[in-house]
Amino acid sequence: MGALSNFVNEHFGVDTVFKPNPLATTIGIGVTELWRNNPDRLMLSFINLGATNAYINVGPDVAADNGILLAAGGGSVVFTAEDDGELVGYPFWGYAAVATDIFSGEVEGA
């Protein structure tokens, strides 16, 4: 195990694994399911790779006026169990007026 693995293991207290998003790499026009709930998730990150604003929220009622803004061209947000409690394990949905590419990944207990 390397120094990074040791640090992460000590920080979370369990072995972890990173997983890129298996559901969606694009937020389509309108609402897209991005992540299902996961009670083993410890960290979740989103990065907007597209040229239009996108929004995320924990329900399918996400919209431009009901979501967390991911600004065009690299807007991002990270949720961690340490800072955000059980919110990190909730399902997440995205909204965009124009389809936009998104990168997201989770860290979960192995």
N, C-alpha and C. Protein backbone atom coordinates (compact mmCIF):
# COMPACT_ATOMS: atom_id res chain seq x y z
N MET A 1 0.84 -1.18 0.00
CA MET A 1 0.00 0.00 0.00
C MET A 1 0.88 1.24 0.00
N GLY A 2 0.48 2.23 -0.80
CA GLY A 2 1.22 3.47 -0.86
C GLY A 2 0.76 4.47 0.18
N ALA A 3 1.43 5.61 0.22
CA ALA A 3 1.12 6.65 1.20
C ALA A 3 -0.31 7.15 1.04
N LEU A 4 -0.77 7.31 -0.20
CA LEU A 4 -2.14 7.78 -0.42
C LEU A 4 -3.15 6.77 0.10
N SER A 5 -2.95 5.50 -0.19
CA SER A 5 -3.87 4.46 0.32
C SER A 5 -3.90 4.46 1.83
N ASN A 6 -2.75 4.60 2.46
CA ASN A 6 -2.70 4.64 3.92
C ASN A 6 -3.46 5.84 4.47
N PHE A 7 -3.27 7.00 3.84
CA PHE A 7 -3.96 8.22 4.28
C PHE A 7 -5.48 8.06 4.18
N VAL A 8 -5.96 7.60 3.02
CA VAL A 8 -7.40 7.45 2.80
C VAL A 8 -7.98 6.42 3.77
N ASN A 9 -7.27 5.33 3.98
CA ASN A 9 -7.74 4.30 4.90
C ASN A 9 -7.84 4.85 6.32
N GLU A 10 -6.84 5.60 6.74
CA GLU A 10 -6.88 6.20 8.08
C GLU A 10 -7.98 7.25 8.19
N HIS A 11 -8.17 8.04 7.14
CA HIS A 11 -9.17 9.11 7.15
C HIS A 11 -10.58 8.54 7.29
N PHE A 12 -10.90 7.54 6.48
CA PHE A 12 -12.25 6.97 6.48
C PHE A 12 -12.39 5.79 7.44
N GLY A 13 -11.30 5.18 7.82
CA GLY A 13 -11.35 4.05 8.75
C GLY A 13 -11.72 2.73 8.10
N VAL A 14 -11.86 2.71 6.78
CA VAL A 14 -12.16 1.49 6.03
C VAL A 14 -11.41 1.54 4.71
N ASP A 15 -11.23 0.38 4.09
CA ASP A 15 -10.70 0.35 2.73
C ASP A 15 -11.73 0.99 1.82
N THR A 16 -11.29 1.67 0.78
CA THR A 16 -12.20 2.34 -0.13
C THR A 16 -11.88 1.97 -1.57
N VAL A 17 -12.84 2.28 -2.44
CA VAL A 17 -12.67 2.08 -3.87
C VAL A 17 -13.34 3.25 -4.59
N PHE A 18 -12.70 3.75 -5.65
CA PHE A 18 -13.28 4.81 -6.47
C PHE A 18 -14.03 4.18 -7.63
N LYS A 19 -15.22 4.71 -7.91
CA LYS A 19 -16.02 4.22 -9.02
C LYS A 19 -16.55 5.40 -9.83
N PRO A 20 -16.24 5.43 -11.14
CA PRO A 20 -16.86 6.46 -11.97
C PRO A 20 -18.34 6.16 -12.16
N ASN A 21 -19.09 7.14 -12.60
CA ASN A 21 -20.53 7.02 -12.73
C ASN A 21 -20.92 5.94 -13.73
N PRO A 22 -21.70 4.95 -13.28
CA PRO A 22 -22.14 3.90 -14.19
C PRO A 22 -23.44 4.24 -14.93
N LEU A 23 -24.14 5.29 -14.53
CA LEU A 23 -25.45 5.60 -15.11
C LEU A 23 -25.39 6.64 -16.22
N ALA A 24 -24.69 7.74 -15.99
CA ALA A 24 -24.77 8.85 -16.94
C ALA A 24 -23.48 9.64 -16.99
N THR A 25 -23.04 9.95 -18.20
CA THR A 25 -21.91 10.87 -18.38
C THR A 25 -22.39 12.14 -19.07
N THR A 26 -23.68 12.22 -19.31
CA THR A 26 -24.31 13.40 -19.90
C THR A 26 -25.61 13.68 -19.17
N ILE A 27 -25.85 14.96 -18.90
CA ILE A 27 -27.17 15.38 -18.45
C ILE A 27 -27.91 15.76 -19.71
N GLY A 28 -28.94 15.01 -20.04
CA GLY A 28 -29.72 15.27 -21.24
C GLY A 28 -30.57 16.52 -21.08
N ILE A 29 -31.28 16.86 -22.13
CA ILE A 29 -32.20 18.00 -22.05
C ILE A 29 -33.30 17.62 -21.06
N GLY A 30 -33.43 18.39 -20.03
CA GLY A 30 -34.39 18.07 -18.98
C GLY A 30 -33.72 17.36 -17.83
N VAL A 31 -34.41 16.40 -17.21
CA VAL A 31 -33.94 15.74 -15.98
C VAL A 31 -33.33 14.37 -16.31
N THR A 32 -32.17 14.09 -15.69
CA THR A 32 -31.47 12.82 -15.88
C THR A 32 -31.09 12.25 -14.51
N GLU A 33 -31.35 10.96 -14.30
CA GLU A 33 -30.88 10.31 -13.07
C GLU A 33 -29.37 10.12 -13.18
N LEU A 34 -28.64 10.59 -12.18
CA LEU A 34 -27.18 10.52 -12.20
C LEU A 34 -26.63 9.43 -11.29
N TRP A 35 -27.15 9.31 -10.09
CA TRP A 35 -26.69 8.31 -9.13
C TRP A 35 -27.87 7.75 -8.36
N ARG A 36 -27.86 6.47 -8.12
CA ARG A 36 -28.84 5.85 -7.23
C ARG A 36 -28.33 5.99 -5.80
N ASN A 37 -29.19 5.78 -4.83
CA ASN A 37 -28.74 5.87 -3.43
C ASN A 37 -27.70 4.78 -3.16
N ASN A 38 -26.80 5.08 -2.25
CA ASN A 38 -25.74 4.13 -1.91
C ASN A 38 -25.31 4.40 -0.46
N PRO A 39 -25.73 3.55 0.47
CA PRO A 39 -25.38 3.77 1.88
C PRO A 39 -23.91 3.51 2.19
N ASP A 40 -23.14 2.99 1.24
CA ASP A 40 -21.71 2.78 1.44
C ASP A 40 -20.87 3.90 0.85
N ARG A 41 -21.50 4.90 0.24
CA ARG A 41 -20.77 6.01 -0.39
C ARG A 41 -20.23 6.95 0.68
N LEU A 42 -18.96 7.30 0.56
CA LEU A 42 -18.31 8.21 1.50
C LEU A 42 -18.02 9.58 0.88
N MET A 43 -17.91 9.62 -0.45
CA MET A 43 -17.60 10.86 -1.15
C MET A 43 -18.21 10.79 -2.54
N LEU A 44 -18.69 11.92 -3.04
CA LEU A 44 -19.28 12.00 -4.37
C LEU A 44 -18.89 13.33 -4.98
N SER A 45 -18.37 13.30 -6.21
CA SER A 45 -17.96 14.54 -6.87
C SER A 45 -18.62 14.67 -8.23
N PHE A 46 -18.89 15.91 -8.62
CA PHE A 46 -19.47 16.24 -9.91
C PHE A 46 -18.64 17.35 -10.54
N ILE A 47 -18.37 17.25 -11.85
CA ILE A 47 -17.71 18.31 -12.60
C ILE A 47 -18.47 18.49 -13.92
N ASN A 48 -18.89 19.71 -14.21
CA ASN A 48 -19.58 20.01 -15.45
C ASN A 48 -18.54 20.26 -16.54
N LEU A 49 -18.47 19.37 -17.52
CA LEU A 49 -17.50 19.48 -18.61
C LEU A 49 -18.06 20.23 -19.81
N GLY A 50 -19.34 20.55 -19.78
CA GLY A 50 -20.02 21.13 -20.93
C GLY A 50 -20.00 22.65 -20.95
N ALA A 51 -20.64 23.18 -21.98
CA ALA A 51 -20.65 24.62 -22.23
C ALA A 51 -21.95 25.29 -21.77
N THR A 52 -22.74 24.58 -20.99
CA THR A 52 -23.98 25.15 -20.46
C THR A 52 -24.10 24.83 -18.98
N ASN A 53 -24.77 25.66 -18.23
CA ASN A 53 -24.96 25.42 -16.81
C ASN A 53 -25.79 24.15 -16.59
N ALA A 54 -25.51 23.47 -15.50
CA ALA A 54 -26.27 22.29 -15.10
C ALA A 54 -26.59 22.44 -13.62
N TYR A 55 -27.56 21.67 -13.16
CA TYR A 55 -28.01 21.73 -11.78
C TYR A 55 -28.18 20.30 -11.28
N ILE A 56 -27.86 20.07 -10.01
CA ILE A 56 -28.07 18.75 -9.41
C ILE A 56 -28.88 18.90 -8.13
N ASN A 57 -29.59 17.83 -7.78
CA ASN A 57 -30.35 17.81 -6.54
C ASN A 57 -30.65 16.36 -6.20
N VAL A 58 -31.18 16.11 -5.02
CA VAL A 58 -31.41 14.76 -4.55
C VAL A 58 -32.76 14.20 -4.97
N GLY A 59 -33.46 14.84 -5.87
CA GLY A 59 -34.73 14.32 -6.34
C GLY A 59 -34.96 14.68 -7.78
N PRO A 60 -35.93 14.02 -8.41
CA PRO A 60 -36.21 14.28 -9.82
C PRO A 60 -36.89 15.62 -10.09
N ASP A 61 -37.17 16.39 -9.04
CA ASP A 61 -37.75 17.72 -9.23
C ASP A 61 -36.67 18.79 -9.40
N VAL A 62 -35.44 18.37 -9.70
CA VAL A 62 -34.34 19.30 -9.92
C VAL A 62 -34.67 20.21 -11.11
N ALA A 63 -34.29 21.48 -10.99
CA ALA A 63 -34.53 22.47 -12.04
C ALA A 63 -33.55 23.62 -11.84
N ALA A 64 -33.57 24.59 -12.74
CA ALA A 64 -32.68 25.74 -12.63
C ALA A 64 -32.96 26.54 -11.35
N ASP A 65 -34.18 26.49 -10.87
CA ASP A 65 -34.52 27.19 -9.63
C ASP A 65 -34.67 26.24 -8.44
N ASN A 66 -34.21 24.99 -8.60
CA ASN A 66 -34.30 24.01 -7.52
C ASN A 66 -33.14 23.03 -7.62
N GLY A 67 -31.94 23.56 -7.51
CA GLY A 67 -30.78 22.69 -7.61
C GLY A 67 -29.49 23.42 -7.27
N ILE A 68 -28.43 22.66 -7.19
CA ILE A 68 -27.10 23.20 -6.94
C ILE A 68 -26.46 23.46 -8.29
N LEU A 69 -26.03 24.68 -8.53
CA LEU A 69 -25.46 25.08 -9.80
C LEU A 69 -24.09 24.45 -10.04
N LEU A 70 -23.95 23.83 -11.21
CA LEU A 70 -22.65 23.43 -11.73
C LEU A 70 -22.41 24.31 -12.94
N ALA A 71 -21.62 25.36 -12.77
CA ALA A 71 -21.41 26.33 -13.84
C ALA A 71 -20.75 25.67 -15.05
N ALA A 72 -21.07 26.20 -16.22
CA ALA A 72 -20.50 25.70 -17.46
C ALA A 72 -18.98 25.74 -17.41
N GLY A 73 -18.36 24.79 -18.07
CA GLY A 73 -16.91 24.81 -18.23
C GLY A 73 -16.13 24.49 -16.98
N GLY A 74 -16.63 23.62 -16.11
CA GLY A 74 -15.83 23.17 -14.99
C GLY A 74 -16.40 23.39 -13.61
N GLY A 75 -17.63 23.88 -13.53
CA GLY A 75 -18.26 24.02 -12.22
C GLY A 75 -18.31 22.67 -11.53
N SER A 76 -18.06 22.66 -10.24
CA SER A 76 -17.98 21.38 -9.54
C SER A 76 -18.49 21.48 -8.12
N VAL A 77 -18.77 20.31 -7.56
CA VAL A 77 -19.17 20.20 -6.16
C VAL A 77 -18.74 18.82 -5.68
N VAL A 78 -18.35 18.76 -4.42
CA VAL A 78 -17.96 17.50 -3.79
C VAL A 78 -18.74 17.36 -2.50
N PHE A 79 -19.34 16.19 -2.30
CA PHE A 79 -20.03 15.87 -1.06
C PHE A 79 -19.21 14.82 -0.34
N THR A 80 -19.03 14.99 0.97
CA THR A 80 -18.33 13.99 1.77
C THR A 80 -19.16 13.66 3.00
N ALA A 81 -19.02 12.43 3.45
CA ALA A 81 -19.74 12.02 4.66
C ALA A 81 -19.33 12.88 5.84
N GLU A 82 -18.07 13.25 5.89
CA GLU A 82 -17.56 14.05 6.99
C GLU A 82 -18.23 15.42 7.06
N ASP A 83 -18.44 16.06 5.89
CA ASP A 83 -19.01 17.41 5.85
C ASP A 83 -20.51 17.43 5.65
N ASP A 84 -21.05 16.45 4.94
CA ASP A 84 -22.44 16.50 4.51
C ASP A 84 -23.31 15.39 5.10
N GLY A 85 -22.73 14.58 5.97
CA GLY A 85 -23.51 13.52 6.61
C GLY A 85 -24.06 12.54 5.60
N GLU A 86 -25.28 12.07 5.86
CA GLU A 86 -25.84 11.03 5.01
C GLU A 86 -26.30 11.53 3.65
N LEU A 87 -26.30 12.85 3.43
CA LEU A 87 -26.65 13.40 2.11
C LEU A 87 -25.82 12.76 1.00
N VAL A 88 -24.56 12.46 1.29
CA VAL A 88 -23.68 11.89 0.28
C VAL A 88 -24.20 10.55 -0.26
N GLY A 89 -24.99 9.84 0.50
CA GLY A 89 -25.50 8.55 0.07
C GLY A 89 -26.82 8.61 -0.69
N TYR A 90 -27.41 9.78 -0.80
CA TYR A 90 -28.72 9.93 -1.46
C TYR A 90 -28.60 9.75 -2.98
N PRO A 91 -29.72 9.49 -3.65
CA PRO A 91 -29.71 9.50 -5.11
C PRO A 91 -29.60 10.95 -5.60
N PHE A 92 -28.98 11.15 -6.76
CA PHE A 92 -28.83 12.48 -7.33
C PHE A 92 -29.35 12.51 -8.75
N TRP A 93 -29.95 13.63 -9.10
CA TRP A 93 -30.50 13.87 -10.42
C TRP A 93 -29.91 15.16 -10.96
N GLY A 94 -29.86 15.29 -12.26
CA GLY A 94 -29.33 16.49 -12.89
C GLY A 94 -30.32 17.10 -13.86
N TYR A 95 -30.18 18.40 -14.08
CA TYR A 95 -31.02 19.12 -15.04
C TYR A 95 -30.13 20.03 -15.88
N ALA A 96 -30.42 20.10 -17.16
CA ALA A 96 -29.77 21.06 -18.05
C ALA A 96 -30.76 21.43 -19.14
N ALA A 97 -30.74 22.69 -19.57
CA ALA A 97 -31.61 23.15 -20.64
C ALA A 97 -31.10 22.65 -21.99
N VAL A 98 -29.80 22.45 -22.07
CA VAL A 98 -29.13 21.90 -23.26
C VAL A 98 -28.23 20.77 -22.75
N ALA A 99 -28.23 19.64 -23.44
CA ALA A 99 -27.42 18.50 -22.98
C ALA A 99 -25.98 18.93 -22.71
N THR A 100 -25.43 18.43 -21.61
CA THR A 100 -24.07 18.80 -21.23
C THR A 100 -23.34 17.58 -20.66
N ASP A 101 -22.07 17.47 -21.00
CA ASP A 101 -21.25 16.37 -20.46
C ASP A 101 -20.91 16.64 -19.02
N ILE A 102 -20.86 15.57 -18.25
CA ILE A 102 -20.57 15.67 -16.82
C ILE A 102 -19.67 14.53 -16.43
N PHE A 103 -18.74 14.80 -15.53
CA PHE A 103 -17.96 13.74 -14.92
C PHE A 103 -18.39 13.66 -13.47
N SER A 104 -18.61 12.44 -12.99
CA SER A 104 -18.86 12.26 -11.58
C SER A 104 -18.34 10.91 -11.15
N GLY A 105 -17.95 10.85 -9.90
CA GLY A 105 -17.42 9.62 -9.36
C GLY A 105 -17.66 9.55 -7.86
N GLU A 106 -17.66 8.34 -7.35
CA GLU A 106 -17.89 8.15 -5.93
C GLU A 106 -16.73 7.38 -5.31
N VAL A 107 -16.55 7.59 -4.02
CA VAL A 107 -15.65 6.77 -3.23
C VAL A 107 -16.55 6.05 -2.24
N GLU A 108 -16.43 4.73 -2.20
CA GLU A 108 -17.25 3.97 -1.27
C GLU A 108 -16.40 3.01 -0.48
N GLY A 109 -16.93 2.61 0.66
CA GLY A 109 -16.25 1.61 1.47
C GLY A 109 -16.20 0.30 0.71
N ALA A 110 -15.03 -0.32 0.73
CA ALA A 110 -14.86 -1.58 -0.01
C ALA A 110 -15.40 -2.75 0.75
